[in-house]
N, C-alpha and C. Protein backbone atom coordinates (compact mmCIF):
# COMPACT_ATOMS: atom_id res chain seq x y z
N MET A 1 -7.01 -10.04 -4.39
CA MET A 1 -7.30 -8.82 -3.65
C MET A 1 -6.20 -8.60 -2.61
N VAL A 2 -5.63 -7.41 -2.59
CA VAL A 2 -4.58 -7.06 -1.63
C VAL A 2 -5.24 -6.62 -0.33
N GLU A 3 -4.74 -7.16 0.77
CA GLU A 3 -5.31 -6.85 2.08
C GLU A 3 -4.22 -6.33 3.01
N PHE A 4 -4.43 -5.11 3.55
CA PHE A 4 -3.51 -4.50 4.50
C PHE A 4 -4.10 -4.64 5.90
N ALA A 5 -3.24 -4.87 6.88
CA ALA A 5 -3.71 -4.97 8.27
C ALA A 5 -2.72 -4.26 9.18
N HIS A 6 -3.25 -3.40 10.05
CA HIS A 6 -2.44 -2.74 11.07
C HIS A 6 -2.35 -3.69 12.25
N ILE A 7 -1.14 -4.07 12.66
CA ILE A 7 -0.95 -5.08 13.69
C ILE A 7 -0.48 -4.47 15.01
N ASP A 8 0.66 -3.79 15.00
CA ASP A 8 1.26 -3.14 16.17
C ASP A 8 1.38 -4.09 17.37
N GLU A 9 2.09 -5.20 17.17
CA GLU A 9 2.33 -6.18 18.23
C GLU A 9 3.83 -6.39 18.43
N ARG A 10 4.21 -6.58 19.67
CA ARG A 10 5.60 -6.90 19.98
C ARG A 10 5.88 -8.33 19.51
N ILE A 11 7.04 -8.53 18.89
CA ILE A 11 7.39 -9.84 18.34
C ILE A 11 8.83 -10.20 18.72
N ARG A 12 9.13 -11.48 18.55
CA ARG A 12 10.48 -11.98 18.74
C ARG A 12 11.13 -12.10 17.37
N VAL A 13 12.36 -11.59 17.24
CA VAL A 13 13.05 -11.56 15.95
C VAL A 13 14.46 -12.11 16.12
N ALA A 14 14.89 -12.93 15.17
CA ALA A 14 16.29 -13.33 15.08
C ALA A 14 16.92 -12.41 14.04
N ALA A 15 17.99 -11.74 14.43
CA ALA A 15 18.63 -10.79 13.52
C ALA A 15 20.14 -10.93 13.61
N ILE A 16 20.79 -10.60 12.52
CA ILE A 16 22.24 -10.58 12.46
C ILE A 16 22.67 -9.12 12.51
N PHE A 17 23.56 -8.81 13.41
CA PHE A 17 24.04 -7.44 13.58
C PHE A 17 25.44 -7.31 13.02
N GLY A 18 25.65 -6.24 12.25
CA GLY A 18 26.99 -5.87 11.83
C GLY A 18 27.53 -6.47 10.55
N ASP A 19 26.78 -7.32 9.85
CA ASP A 19 27.37 -7.95 8.66
C ASP A 19 26.78 -7.43 7.35
N CYS A 20 25.98 -6.39 7.41
CA CYS A 20 25.34 -5.93 6.18
C CYS A 20 25.16 -4.42 6.21
N GLU A 21 24.73 -3.87 5.09
CA GLU A 21 24.42 -2.45 5.01
C GLU A 21 23.32 -2.13 6.02
N GLY A 22 23.50 -1.08 6.78
CA GLY A 22 22.51 -0.72 7.78
C GLY A 22 22.76 -1.38 9.12
N GLY A 23 23.65 -2.39 9.15
CA GLY A 23 24.06 -2.97 10.41
C GLY A 23 23.19 -4.06 10.99
N ILE A 24 21.92 -4.16 10.61
CA ILE A 24 21.01 -5.16 11.17
C ILE A 24 20.27 -5.83 10.03
N ARG A 25 20.18 -7.16 10.11
CA ARG A 25 19.42 -7.91 9.11
C ARG A 25 18.51 -8.90 9.81
N PRO A 26 17.19 -8.64 9.83
CA PRO A 26 16.28 -9.63 10.41
C PRO A 26 16.27 -10.90 9.56
N VAL A 27 16.32 -12.07 10.22
CA VAL A 27 16.39 -13.35 9.54
C VAL A 27 15.04 -14.07 9.59
N TRP A 28 14.43 -14.08 10.76
CA TRP A 28 13.08 -14.63 10.93
C TRP A 28 12.41 -13.93 12.11
N PHE A 29 11.08 -14.02 12.17
CA PHE A 29 10.35 -13.49 13.32
C PHE A 29 9.20 -14.42 13.66
N GLU A 30 8.78 -14.35 14.91
CA GLU A 30 7.66 -15.16 15.37
C GLU A 30 6.47 -14.26 15.61
N TRP A 31 5.34 -14.67 15.02
CA TRP A 31 4.10 -13.91 15.15
C TRP A 31 2.94 -14.90 15.20
N ARG A 32 2.16 -14.79 16.24
CA ARG A 32 1.00 -15.66 16.44
C ARG A 32 1.37 -17.14 16.35
N LYS A 33 2.43 -17.49 17.08
CA LYS A 33 2.92 -18.88 17.19
C LYS A 33 3.44 -19.46 15.89
N ARG A 34 3.79 -18.60 14.94
CA ARG A 34 4.38 -19.05 13.67
C ARG A 34 5.74 -18.40 13.49
N ARG A 35 6.68 -19.16 12.98
CA ARG A 35 7.98 -18.60 12.64
C ARG A 35 7.97 -18.27 11.16
N ILE A 36 8.24 -17.02 10.85
CA ILE A 36 8.21 -16.53 9.47
C ILE A 36 9.63 -16.19 9.04
N GLN A 37 10.10 -16.88 8.03
CA GLN A 37 11.46 -16.69 7.50
C GLN A 37 11.46 -15.45 6.60
N VAL A 38 12.38 -14.53 6.85
CA VAL A 38 12.51 -13.35 5.99
C VAL A 38 13.24 -13.77 4.72
N GLU A 39 12.54 -13.67 3.60
CA GLU A 39 13.13 -14.04 2.31
C GLU A 39 13.84 -12.87 1.66
N LYS A 40 13.31 -11.67 1.88
CA LYS A 40 13.89 -10.48 1.24
C LYS A 40 13.61 -9.24 2.08
N ILE A 41 14.59 -8.38 2.16
CA ILE A 41 14.39 -7.04 2.74
C ILE A 41 14.22 -6.10 1.55
N ALA A 42 13.02 -5.61 1.35
CA ALA A 42 12.74 -4.76 0.20
C ALA A 42 13.20 -3.33 0.42
N TYR A 43 13.12 -2.88 1.66
CA TYR A 43 13.44 -1.48 1.95
C TYR A 43 13.72 -1.35 3.43
N ARG A 44 14.58 -0.42 3.78
CA ARG A 44 14.84 -0.09 5.19
C ARG A 44 14.94 1.42 5.33
N TRP A 45 14.48 1.92 6.46
CA TRP A 45 14.53 3.36 6.72
C TRP A 45 14.58 3.60 8.22
N GLN A 46 14.84 4.85 8.59
CA GLN A 46 14.94 5.23 9.99
C GLN A 46 13.91 6.28 10.32
N GLY A 47 13.52 6.30 11.59
CA GLY A 47 12.61 7.32 12.09
C GLY A 47 12.97 7.62 13.53
N ARG A 48 12.19 8.47 14.15
CA ARG A 48 12.41 8.84 15.55
C ARG A 48 11.08 8.91 16.28
N ARG A 49 11.13 8.56 17.54
CA ARG A 49 10.02 8.80 18.45
C ARG A 49 10.65 9.49 19.64
N GLY A 50 10.48 10.82 19.69
CA GLY A 50 11.22 11.62 20.67
C GLY A 50 12.70 11.55 20.33
N THR A 51 13.51 11.13 21.29
CA THR A 51 14.95 11.01 21.04
C THR A 51 15.35 9.60 20.62
N GLU A 52 14.40 8.66 20.65
CA GLU A 52 14.73 7.27 20.31
C GLU A 52 14.75 7.08 18.80
N LYS A 53 15.80 6.40 18.35
CA LYS A 53 15.94 6.06 16.93
C LYS A 53 15.19 4.75 16.67
N LEU A 54 14.38 4.73 15.62
CA LEU A 54 13.63 3.54 15.21
C LEU A 54 14.15 3.09 13.85
N LEU A 55 14.34 1.79 13.70
CA LEU A 55 14.79 1.22 12.44
C LEU A 55 13.66 0.39 11.86
N TYR A 56 13.25 0.71 10.64
CA TYR A 56 12.12 0.04 9.99
C TYR A 56 12.63 -0.85 8.87
N PHE A 57 11.93 -1.98 8.68
CA PHE A 57 12.28 -2.94 7.64
C PHE A 57 11.01 -3.40 6.94
N ALA A 58 10.95 -3.25 5.63
CA ALA A 58 9.87 -3.82 4.82
C ALA A 58 10.41 -5.14 4.31
N VAL A 59 9.84 -6.25 4.79
CA VAL A 59 10.34 -7.58 4.44
C VAL A 59 9.23 -8.40 3.78
N SER A 60 9.65 -9.48 3.12
CA SER A 60 8.66 -10.36 2.49
C SER A 60 8.96 -11.81 2.79
N SER A 61 7.88 -12.61 2.76
CA SER A 61 7.97 -14.05 2.97
C SER A 61 6.75 -14.70 2.34
N GLN A 62 6.97 -15.66 1.47
CA GLN A 62 5.91 -16.45 0.84
C GLN A 62 4.78 -15.58 0.26
N GLY A 63 5.15 -14.52 -0.42
CA GLY A 63 4.18 -13.66 -1.09
C GLY A 63 3.51 -12.63 -0.21
N ASN A 64 3.84 -12.60 1.07
CA ASN A 64 3.28 -11.61 1.99
C ASN A 64 4.36 -10.60 2.36
N SER A 65 3.93 -9.39 2.70
CA SER A 65 4.85 -8.33 3.11
C SER A 65 4.57 -7.93 4.55
N TYR A 66 5.63 -7.54 5.25
CA TYR A 66 5.54 -7.17 6.65
C TYR A 66 6.39 -5.94 6.91
N GLU A 67 5.94 -5.10 7.81
CA GLU A 67 6.75 -3.97 8.26
C GLU A 67 7.17 -4.24 9.70
N LEU A 68 8.49 -4.39 9.90
CA LEU A 68 9.06 -4.60 11.22
C LEU A 68 9.70 -3.31 11.70
N CYS A 69 9.70 -3.10 13.01
CA CYS A 69 10.34 -1.91 13.58
C CYS A 69 11.17 -2.32 14.78
N TYR A 70 12.43 -1.87 14.80
CA TYR A 70 13.35 -2.12 15.90
C TYR A 70 13.51 -0.85 16.71
N PHE A 71 13.21 -0.94 17.99
CA PHE A 71 13.33 0.19 18.91
C PHE A 71 14.72 0.11 19.55
N THR A 72 15.60 1.02 19.17
CA THR A 72 17.01 0.91 19.54
C THR A 72 17.27 1.16 21.02
N ALA A 73 16.54 2.03 21.67
CA ALA A 73 16.82 2.35 23.08
C ALA A 73 16.53 1.17 24.00
N ASN A 74 15.40 0.50 23.78
CA ASN A 74 15.01 -0.62 24.63
C ASN A 74 15.24 -1.98 23.98
N GLN A 75 15.74 -1.97 22.77
CA GLN A 75 16.11 -3.17 22.02
C GLN A 75 14.99 -4.21 21.93
N TYR A 76 13.88 -3.79 21.37
CA TYR A 76 12.79 -4.74 21.10
C TYR A 76 12.21 -4.45 19.72
N TRP A 77 11.44 -5.42 19.22
CA TRP A 77 10.86 -5.36 17.87
C TRP A 77 9.35 -5.34 17.94
N ARG A 78 8.74 -4.70 16.94
CA ARG A 78 7.29 -4.72 16.77
C ARG A 78 6.97 -5.00 15.31
N LEU A 79 5.88 -5.72 15.11
CA LEU A 79 5.32 -5.89 13.77
C LEU A 79 4.26 -4.81 13.62
N ASN A 80 4.50 -3.86 12.72
CA ASN A 80 3.58 -2.74 12.55
C ASN A 80 2.39 -3.08 11.68
N ARG A 81 2.66 -3.70 10.51
CA ARG A 81 1.56 -4.00 9.58
C ARG A 81 1.95 -5.12 8.66
N THR A 82 0.93 -5.67 8.01
CA THR A 82 1.11 -6.74 7.04
C THR A 82 0.36 -6.39 5.76
N CYS A 83 0.78 -7.01 4.69
CA CYS A 83 0.09 -6.89 3.40
C CYS A 83 0.09 -8.27 2.77
N SER A 84 -1.06 -8.78 2.45
CA SER A 84 -1.15 -10.10 1.81
C SER A 84 -2.04 -10.01 0.59
N GLY A 85 -1.89 -10.99 -0.25
CA GLY A 85 -2.74 -11.04 -1.42
C GLY A 85 -1.94 -11.10 -2.62
């Protein structure tokens, strides 16, 4: 059974800037005291909130999917949602 969850929590992310298409590649993130290694970036897209540019990443790790969002103006990350199953 596939289970979706809306999370919307600020997270800590290790990312590499400037070495790939799109300029940013998340490598791992910490959520609920766990470090989750990004195995694959399935999709990336951009959005806006007012004048701020948001960078979204659909990533996967150990059979689970996560949506990460990078807020460019204040330079922080949020975990928007998860999908497991």
